Amino acid sequence: DSYQQLICELMKLARQSDELCDQVKYYSVAAARDM
């Protein structure tokens, strides 16, 4: 549950900023792996 909520929060930020979009995608892959 923790990592699912983390990824959702990061995706909300990514939708607000082009600078964040790609790195949030890569970080989310790492987060899913850690999950």
All heavy atoms as atom14 arrays in JSON, in Angstrom:
{
  "sequence": "DSYQQLICELMKLARQSDELCDQVKYYSVAAARDM",
  "atom14_mask": [
    [1, 1, 1, 1, 1, 1, 1, 1, 0, 0, 0, 0, 0, 0],
    [1, 1, 1, 1, 1, 1, 0, 0, 0, 0, 0, 0, 0, 0],
    [1, 1, 1, 1, 1, 1, 1, 1, 1, 1, 1, 1, 0, 0],
    [1, 1, 1, 1, 1, 1, 1, 1, 1, 0, 0, 0, 0, 0],
    [1, 1, 1, 1, 1, 1, 1, 1, 1, 0, 0, 0, 0, 0],
    [1, 1, 1, 1, 1, 1, 1, 1, 0, 0, 0, 0, 0, 0],
    [1, 1, 1, 1, 1, 1, 1, 1, 0, 0, 0, 0, 0, 0],
    [1, 1, 1, 1, 1, 1, 0, 0, 0, 0, 0, 0, 0, 0],
    [1, 1, 1, 1, 1, 1, 1, 1, 1, 0, 0, 0, 0, 0],
    [1, 1, 1, 1, 1, 1, 1, 1, 0, 0, 0, 0, 0, 0],
    [1, 1, 1, 1, 1, 1, 1, 1, 0, 0, 0, 0, 0, 0],
    [1, 1, 1, 1, 1, 1, 1, 1, 1, 0, 0, 0, 0, 0],
    [1, 1, 1, 1, 1, 1, 1, 1, 0, 0, 0, 0, 0, 0],
    [1, 1, 1, 1, 1, 0, 0, 0, 0, 0, 0, 0, 0, 0],
    [1, 1, 1, 1, 1, 1, 1, 1, 1, 1, 1, 0, 0, 0],
    [1, 1, 1, 1, 1, 1, 1, 1, 1, 0, 0, 0, 0, 0],
    [1, 1, 1, 1, 1, 1, 0, 0, 0, 0, 0, 0, 0, 0],
    [1, 1, 1, 1, 1, 1, 1, 1, 0, 0, 0, 0, 0, 0],
    [1, 1, 1, 1, 1, 1, 1, 1, 1, 0, 0, 0, 0, 0],
    [1, 1, 1, 1, 1, 1, 1, 1, 0, 0, 0, 0, 0, 0],
    [1, 1, 1, 1, 1, 1, 0, 0, 0, 0, 0, 0, 0, 0],
    [1, 1, 1, 1, 1, 1, 1, 1, 0, 0, 0, 0, 0, 0],
    [1, 1, 1, 1, 1, 1, 1, 1, 1, 0, 0, 0, 0, 0],
    [1, 1, 1, 1, 1, 1, 1, 0, 0, 0, 0, 0, 0, 0],
    [1, 1, 1, 1, 1, 1, 1, 1, 1, 0, 0, 0, 0, 0],
    [1, 1, 1, 1, 1, 1, 1, 1, 1, 1, 1, 1, 0, 0],
    [1, 1, 1, 1, 1, 1, 1, 1, 1, 1, 1, 1, 0, 0],
    [1, 1, 1, 1, 1, 1, 0, 0, 0, 0, 0, 0, 0, 0],
    [1, 1, 1, 1, 1, 1, 1, 0, 0, 0, 0, 0, 0, 0],
    [1, 1, 1, 1, 1, 0, 0, 0, 0, 0, 0, 0, 0, 0],
    [1, 1, 1, 1, 1, 0, 0, 0, 0, 0, 0, 0, 0, 0],
    [1, 1, 1, 1, 1, 0, 0, 0, 0, 0, 0, 0, 0, 0],
    [1, 1, 1, 1, 1, 1, 1, 1, 1, 1, 1, 0, 0, 0],
    [1, 1, 1, 1, 1, 1, 1, 1, 0, 0, 0, 0, 0, 0],
    [1, 1, 1, 1, 1, 1, 1, 1, 0, 0, 0, 0, 0, 0]
  ],
  "atom14_positions": [
    [[0.82, -1.21, 0.0], [0.0, 0.0, 0.0], [0.85, 1.26, 0.0], [0.52, 2.25, -0.66], [-0.93, 0.01, 1.22], [-2.04, -1.02, 1.11], [-2.39, -1.39, -0.03], [-2.55, -1.46, 2.15], [0.0, 0.0, 0.0], [0.0, 0.0, 0.0], [0.0, 0.0, 0.0], [0.0, 0.0, 0.0], [0.0, 0.0, 0.0], [0.0, 0.0, 0.0]],
    [[1.97, 1.21, 0.74], [2.81, 2.4, 0.88], [3.35, 2.87, -0.47], [3.25, 4.05, -0.82], [3.98, 2.1, 1.83], [4.86, 3.2, 1.91], [0.0, 0.0, 0.0], [0.0, 0.0, 0.0], [0.0, 0.0, 0.0], [0.0, 0.0, 0.0], [0.0, 0.0, 0.0], [0.0, 0.0, 0.0], [0.0, 0.0, 0.0], [0.0, 0.0, 0.0]],
    [[3.9, 1.95, -1.25], [4.48, 2.34, -2.53], [3.41, 2.74, -3.55], [3.64, 3.61, -4.39], [5.35, 1.22, -3.08], [6.75, 1.25, -2.52], [7.21, 0.26, -1.66], [7.63, 2.28, -2.85], [8.49, 0.29, -1.15], [8.92, 2.31, -2.34], [9.35, 1.31, -1.49], [10.62, 1.36, -0.98], [0.0, 0.0, 0.0], [0.0, 0.0, 0.0]],
    [[2.24, 2.09, -3.48], [1.16, 2.51, -4.38], [0.77, 3.96, -4.12], [0.58, 4.75, -5.05], [-0.06, 1.6, -4.18], [0.13, 0.19, -4.7], [-1.14, -0.64, -4.57], [-2.19, -0.29, -5.08], [-1.03, -1.75, -3.85], [0.0, 0.0, 0.0], [0.0, 0.0, 0.0], [0.0, 0.0, 0.0], [0.0, 0.0, 0.0], [0.0, 0.0, 0.0]],
    [[0.66, 4.33, -2.84], [0.3, 5.7, -2.5], [1.42, 6.67, -2.87], [1.15, 7.79, -3.34], [-0.01, 5.79, -1.0], [-1.25, 5.01, -0.61], [-1.57, 5.09, 0.86], [-1.84, 6.17, 1.39], [-1.54, 3.96, 1.55], [0.0, 0.0, 0.0], [0.0, 0.0, 0.0], [0.0, 0.0, 0.0], [0.0, 0.0, 0.0], [0.0, 0.0, 0.0]],
    [[2.67, 6.25, -2.7], [3.8, 7.09, -3.09], [3.76, 7.39, -4.58], [3.91, 8.55, -5.01], [5.11, 6.39, -2.74], [6.39, 7.05, -3.27], [6.61, 8.42, -2.63], [7.59, 6.15, -3.05], [0.0, 0.0, 0.0], [0.0, 0.0, 0.0], [0.0, 0.0, 0.0], [0.0, 0.0, 0.0], [0.0, 0.0, 0.0], [0.0, 0.0, 0.0]],
    [[3.56, 6.36, -5.4], [3.53, 6.55, -6.85], [2.37, 7.47, -7.24], [2.53, 8.36, -8.1], [3.42, 5.19, -7.56], [4.72, 4.4, -7.36], [3.14, 5.37, -9.05], [4.65, 2.96, -7.84], [0.0, 0.0, 0.0], [0.0, 0.0, 0.0], [0.0, 0.0, 0.0], [0.0, 0.0, 0.0], [0.0, 0.0, 0.0], [0.0, 0.0, 0.0]],
    [[1.21, 7.32, -6.61], [0.07, 8.21, -6.91], [0.4, 9.66, -6.59], [0.07, 10.57, -7.37], [-1.16, 7.76, -6.12], [-1.91, 6.23, -6.73], [0.0, 0.0, 0.0], [0.0, 0.0, 0.0], [0.0, 0.0, 0.0], [0.0, 0.0, 0.0], [0.0, 0.0, 0.0], [0.0, 0.0, 0.0], [0.0, 0.0, 0.0], [0.0, 0.0, 0.0]],
    [[1.05, 9.89, -5.45], [1.43, 11.26, -5.07], [2.44, 11.85, -6.06], [2.35, 13.02, -6.44], [2.03, 11.27, -3.66], [1.04, 10.96, -2.55], [-0.04, 12.04, -2.43], [0.3, 13.24, -2.58], [-1.2, 11.68, -2.22], [0.0, 0.0, 0.0], [0.0, 0.0, 0.0], [0.0, 0.0, 0.0], [0.0, 0.0, 0.0], [0.0, 0.0, 0.0]],
    [[3.4, 11.04, -6.49], [4.4, 11.52, -7.44], [3.77, 11.83, -8.8], [4.12, 12.82, -9.45], [5.5, 10.48, -7.61], [6.45, 10.3, -6.42], [7.35, 9.1, -6.63], [7.29, 11.56, -6.2], [0.0, 0.0, 0.0], [0.0, 0.0, 0.0], [0.0, 0.0, 0.0], [0.0, 0.0, 0.0], [0.0, 0.0, 0.0], [0.0, 0.0, 0.0]],
    [[2.81, 11.02, -9.22], [2.16, 11.26, -10.5], [1.34, 12.55, -10.47], [1.24, 13.25, -11.48], [1.29, 10.07, -10.89], [2.05, 8.79, -11.19], [3.36, 8.99, -12.44], [2.39, 9.4, -13.88], [0.0, 0.0, 0.0], [0.0, 0.0, 0.0], [0.0, 0.0, 0.0], [0.0, 0.0, 0.0], [0.0, 0.0, 0.0], [0.0, 0.0, 0.0]],
    [[0.77, 12.87, -9.32], [0.05, 14.15, -9.2], [1.0, 15.32, -9.44], [0.66, 16.29, -10.13], [-0.56, 14.27, -7.79], [-1.74, 13.36, -7.53], [-2.24, 13.54, -6.1], [-3.33, 12.54, -5.76], [-3.75, 12.66, -4.33], [0.0, 0.0, 0.0], [0.0, 0.0, 0.0], [0.0, 0.0, 0.0], [0.0, 0.0, 0.0], [0.0, 0.0, 0.0]],
    [[2.22, 15.24, -8.86], [3.2, 16.3, -9.06], [3.67, 16.34, -10.52], [3.88, 17.41, -11.09], [4.41, 16.08, -8.14], [4.16, 16.25, -6.64], [5.43, 15.94, -5.87], [3.68, 17.66, -6.32], [0.0, 0.0, 0.0], [0.0, 0.0, 0.0], [0.0, 0.0, 0.0], [0.0, 0.0, 0.0], [0.0, 0.0, 0.0], [0.0, 0.0, 0.0]],
    [[3.83, 15.16, -11.12], [4.32, 15.11, -12.5], [3.36, 15.79, -13.46], [3.78, 16.39, -14.45], [4.55, 13.66, -12.92], [0.0, 0.0, 0.0], [0.0, 0.0, 0.0], [0.0, 0.0, 0.0], [0.0, 0.0, 0.0], [0.0, 0.0, 0.0], [0.0, 0.0, 0.0], [0.0, 0.0, 0.0], [0.0, 0.0, 0.0], [0.0, 0.0, 0.0]],
    [[2.07, 15.69, -13.17], [1.09, 16.32, -14.05], [1.14, 17.84, -13.98], [0.61, 18.54, -14.85], [-0.32, 15.81, -13.71], [-0.57, 14.38, -14.17], [-2.04, 14.02, -14.08], [-2.48, 13.85, -12.7], [-2.46, 12.68, -12.06], [-2.0, 11.6, -12.68], [-2.89, 12.59, -10.82], [0.0, 0.0, 0.0], [0.0, 0.0, 0.0], [0.0, 0.0, 0.0]],
    [[1.82, 18.36, -12.93], [1.92, 19.8, -12.76], [3.18, 20.39, -13.37], [3.3, 21.61, -13.48], [1.88, 20.15, -11.27], [0.63, 19.67, -10.53], [0.76, 19.83, -9.03], [1.58, 20.6, -8.54], [-0.04, 19.08, -8.29], [0.0, 0.0, 0.0], [0.0, 0.0, 0.0], [0.0, 0.0, 0.0], [0.0, 0.0, 0.0], [0.0, 0.0, 0.0]],
    [[4.12, 19.54, -13.76], [5.42, 20.05, -14.19], [6.05, 19.14, -15.23], [6.23, 17.94, -15.0], [6.37, 20.18, -12.99], [7.68, 20.46, -13.4], [0.0, 0.0, 0.0], [0.0, 0.0, 0.0], [0.0, 0.0, 0.0], [0.0, 0.0, 0.0], [0.0, 0.0, 0.0], [0.0, 0.0, 0.0], [0.0, 0.0, 0.0], [0.0, 0.0, 0.0]],
    [[6.4, 19.69, -16.4], [7.04, 18.91, -17.45], [8.41, 18.4, -17.0], [8.86, 17.33, -17.42], [7.21, 19.75, -18.71], [5.88, 20.05, -19.37], [4.9, 19.32, -19.11], [5.81, 21.03, -20.14], [0.0, 0.0, 0.0], [0.0, 0.0, 0.0], [0.0, 0.0, 0.0], [0.0, 0.0, 0.0], [0.0, 0.0, 0.0], [0.0, 0.0, 0.0]],
    [[9.11, 19.19, -16.14], [10.44, 18.78, -15.69], [10.41, 17.49, -14.87], [11.41, 16.8, -14.74], [11.11, 19.87, -14.85], [11.41, 21.15, -15.59], [10.32, 22.2, -15.39], [9.17, 21.82, -15.07], [10.62, 23.39, -15.56], [0.0, 0.0, 0.0], [0.0, 0.0, 0.0], [0.0, 0.0, 0.0], [0.0, 0.0, 0.0], [0.0, 0.0, 0.0]],
    [[9.24, 17.19, -14.31], [9.14, 16.04, -13.41], [8.64, 14.78, -14.09], [8.8, 13.68, -13.57], [8.2, 16.36, -12.25], [8.6, 17.51, -11.33], [7.55, 17.72, -10.27], [9.94, 17.22, -10.69], [0.0, 0.0, 0.0], [0.0, 0.0, 0.0], [0.0, 0.0, 0.0], [0.0, 0.0, 0.0], [0.0, 0.0, 0.0], [0.0, 0.0, 0.0]],
    [[8.03, 14.91, -15.26], [7.3, 13.8, -15.85], [8.18, 12.57, -16.06], [7.87, 11.48, -15.58], [6.66, 14.24, -17.15], [5.54, 12.99, -17.84], [0.0, 0.0, 0.0], [0.0, 0.0, 0.0], [0.0, 0.0, 0.0], [0.0, 0.0, 0.0], [0.0, 0.0, 0.0], [0.0, 0.0, 0.0], [0.0, 0.0, 0.0], [0.0, 0.0, 0.0]],
    [[9.3, 12.72, -16.78], [10.13, 11.55, -17.1], [10.77, 10.94, -15.86], [10.79, 9.72, -15.7], [11.22, 11.94, -18.1], [10.67, 12.11, -19.5], [9.55, 11.63, -19.75], [11.35, 12.74, -20.34], [0.0, 0.0, 0.0], [0.0, 0.0, 0.0], [0.0, 0.0, 0.0], [0.0, 0.0, 0.0], [0.0, 0.0, 0.0], [0.0, 0.0, 0.0]],
    [[11.3, 11.79, -14.97], [11.98, 11.23, -13.81], [11.0, 10.55, -12.86], [11.36, 9.55, -12.23], [12.8, 12.3, -13.08], [12.01, 13.46, -12.51], [12.91, 14.41, -11.75], [13.72, 14.0, -10.93], [12.8, 15.69, -12.05], [0.0, 0.0, 0.0], [0.0, 0.0, 0.0], [0.0, 0.0, 0.0], [0.0, 0.0, 0.0], [0.0, 0.0, 0.0]],
    [[9.77, 11.03, -12.78], [8.77, 10.36, -11.96], [8.46, 8.98, -12.54], [8.29, 8.0, -11.8], [7.48, 11.21, -11.85], [6.31, 10.36, -11.33], [7.71, 12.38, -10.91], [0.0, 0.0, 0.0], [0.0, 0.0, 0.0], [0.0, 0.0, 0.0], [0.0, 0.0, 0.0], [0.0, 0.0, 0.0], [0.0, 0.0, 0.0], [0.0, 0.0, 0.0]],
    [[8.42, 8.86, -13.87], [8.18, 7.56, -14.49], [9.29, 6.58, -14.13], [9.04, 5.43, -13.75], [8.08, 7.71, -16.01], [6.83, 8.43, -16.49], [6.84, 8.59, -18.0], [5.62, 9.35, -18.49], [5.67, 9.56, -19.96], [0.0, 0.0, 0.0], [0.0, 0.0, 0.0], [0.0, 0.0, 0.0], [0.0, 0.0, 0.0], [0.0, 0.0, 0.0]],
    [[10.55, 7.01, -14.27], [11.67, 6.13, -13.94], [11.68, 5.78, -12.45], [11.92, 4.62, -12.08], [12.99, 6.79, -14.33], [13.32, 6.7, -15.8], [13.36, 7.83, -16.59], [13.61, 5.47, -16.38], [13.66, 7.74, -17.95], [13.91, 5.37, -17.73], [13.94, 6.51, -18.51], [14.25, 6.42, -19.83], [0.0, 0.0, 0.0], [0.0, 0.0, 0.0]],
    [[11.44, 6.77, -11.61], [11.44, 6.52, -10.16], [10.31, 5.57, -9.79], [10.46, 4.73, -8.9], [11.3, 7.83, -9.4], [11.52, 7.67, -7.91], [12.79, 7.7, -7.37], [10.44, 7.49, -7.05], [12.99, 7.54, -6.0], [10.63, 7.33, -5.69], [11.9, 7.37, -5.17], [12.09, 7.21, -3.83], [0.0, 0.0, 0.0], [0.0, 0.0, 0.0]],
    [[9.17, 5.69, -10.47], [8.03, 4.81, -10.17], [8.36, 3.37, -10.5], [7.9, 2.45, -9.82], [6.8, 5.28, -10.95], [6.38, 6.56, -10.52], [0.0, 0.0, 0.0], [0.0, 0.0, 0.0], [0.0, 0.0, 0.0], [0.0, 0.0, 0.0], [0.0, 0.0, 0.0], [0.0, 0.0, 0.0], [0.0, 0.0, 0.0], [0.0, 0.0, 0.0]],
    [[9.14, 3.13, -11.56], [9.58, 1.77, -11.87], [10.42, 1.22, -10.72], [10.25, 0.08, -10.28], [10.37, 1.74, -13.19], [11.01, 0.38, -13.41], [9.46, 2.09, -14.36], [0.0, 0.0, 0.0], [0.0, 0.0, 0.0], [0.0, 0.0, 0.0], [0.0, 0.0, 0.0], [0.0, 0.0, 0.0], [0.0, 0.0, 0.0], [0.0, 0.0, 0.0]],
    [[11.35, 2.05, -10.22], [12.18, 1.63, -9.09], [11.32, 1.39, -7.85], [11.56, 0.45, -7.09], [13.24, 2.7, -8.8], [0.0, 0.0, 0.0], [0.0, 0.0, 0.0], [0.0, 0.0, 0.0], [0.0, 0.0, 0.0], [0.0, 0.0, 0.0], [0.0, 0.0, 0.0], [0.0, 0.0, 0.0], [0.0, 0.0, 0.0], [0.0, 0.0, 0.0]],
    [[10.32, 2.25, -7.64], [9.44, 2.1, -6.48], [8.62, 0.81, -6.58], [8.42, 0.11, -5.58], [8.51, 3.31, -6.36], [0.0, 0.0, 0.0], [0.0, 0.0, 0.0], [0.0, 0.0, 0.0], [0.0, 0.0, 0.0], [0.0, 0.0, 0.0], [0.0, 0.0, 0.0], [0.0, 0.0, 0.0], [0.0, 0.0, 0.0], [0.0, 0.0, 0.0]],
    [[8.15, 0.5, -7.79], [7.39, -0.74, -7.98], [8.26, -1.95, -7.69], [7.82, -2.95, -7.1], [6.84, -0.8, -9.39], [0.0, 0.0, 0.0], [0.0, 0.0, 0.0], [0.0, 0.0, 0.0], [0.0, 0.0, 0.0], [0.0, 0.0, 0.0], [0.0, 0.0, 0.0], [0.0, 0.0, 0.0], [0.0, 0.0, 0.0], [0.0, 0.0, 0.0]],
    [[9.53, -1.87, -8.09], [10.47, -2.96, -7.81], [10.67, -3.13, -6.3], [10.68, -4.24, -5.78], [11.8, -2.66, -8.51], [12.84, -3.75, -8.35], [14.13, -3.38, -9.07], [13.93, -3.25, -10.5], [13.96, -2.09, -11.16], [14.18, -0.96, -10.5], [13.78, -2.05, -12.45], [0.0, 0.0, 0.0], [0.0, 0.0, 0.0], [0.0, 0.0, 0.0]],
    [[10.83, -2.0, -5.59], [11.0, -2.07, -4.14], [9.73, -2.56, -3.46], [9.78, -3.22, -2.42], [11.4, -0.71, -3.59], [12.85, -0.36, -3.89], [13.63, -1.29, -4.14], [13.2, 0.83, -3.88], [0.0, 0.0, 0.0], [0.0, 0.0, 0.0], [0.0, 0.0, 0.0], [0.0, 0.0, 0.0], [0.0, 0.0, 0.0], [0.0, 0.0, 0.0]],
    [[8.57, -2.22, -4.03], [7.3, -2.7, -3.49], [7.27, -4.23, -3.51], [6.87, -4.88, -2.54], [6.13, -2.14, -4.29], [4.77, -2.66, -3.85], [3.43, -1.94, -4.84], [3.7, -2.8, -6.4], [0.0, 0.0, 0.0], [0.0, 0.0, 0.0], [0.0, 0.0, 0.0], [0.0, 0.0, 0.0], [0.0, 0.0, 0.0], [0.0, 0.0, 0.0]]
  ]
}
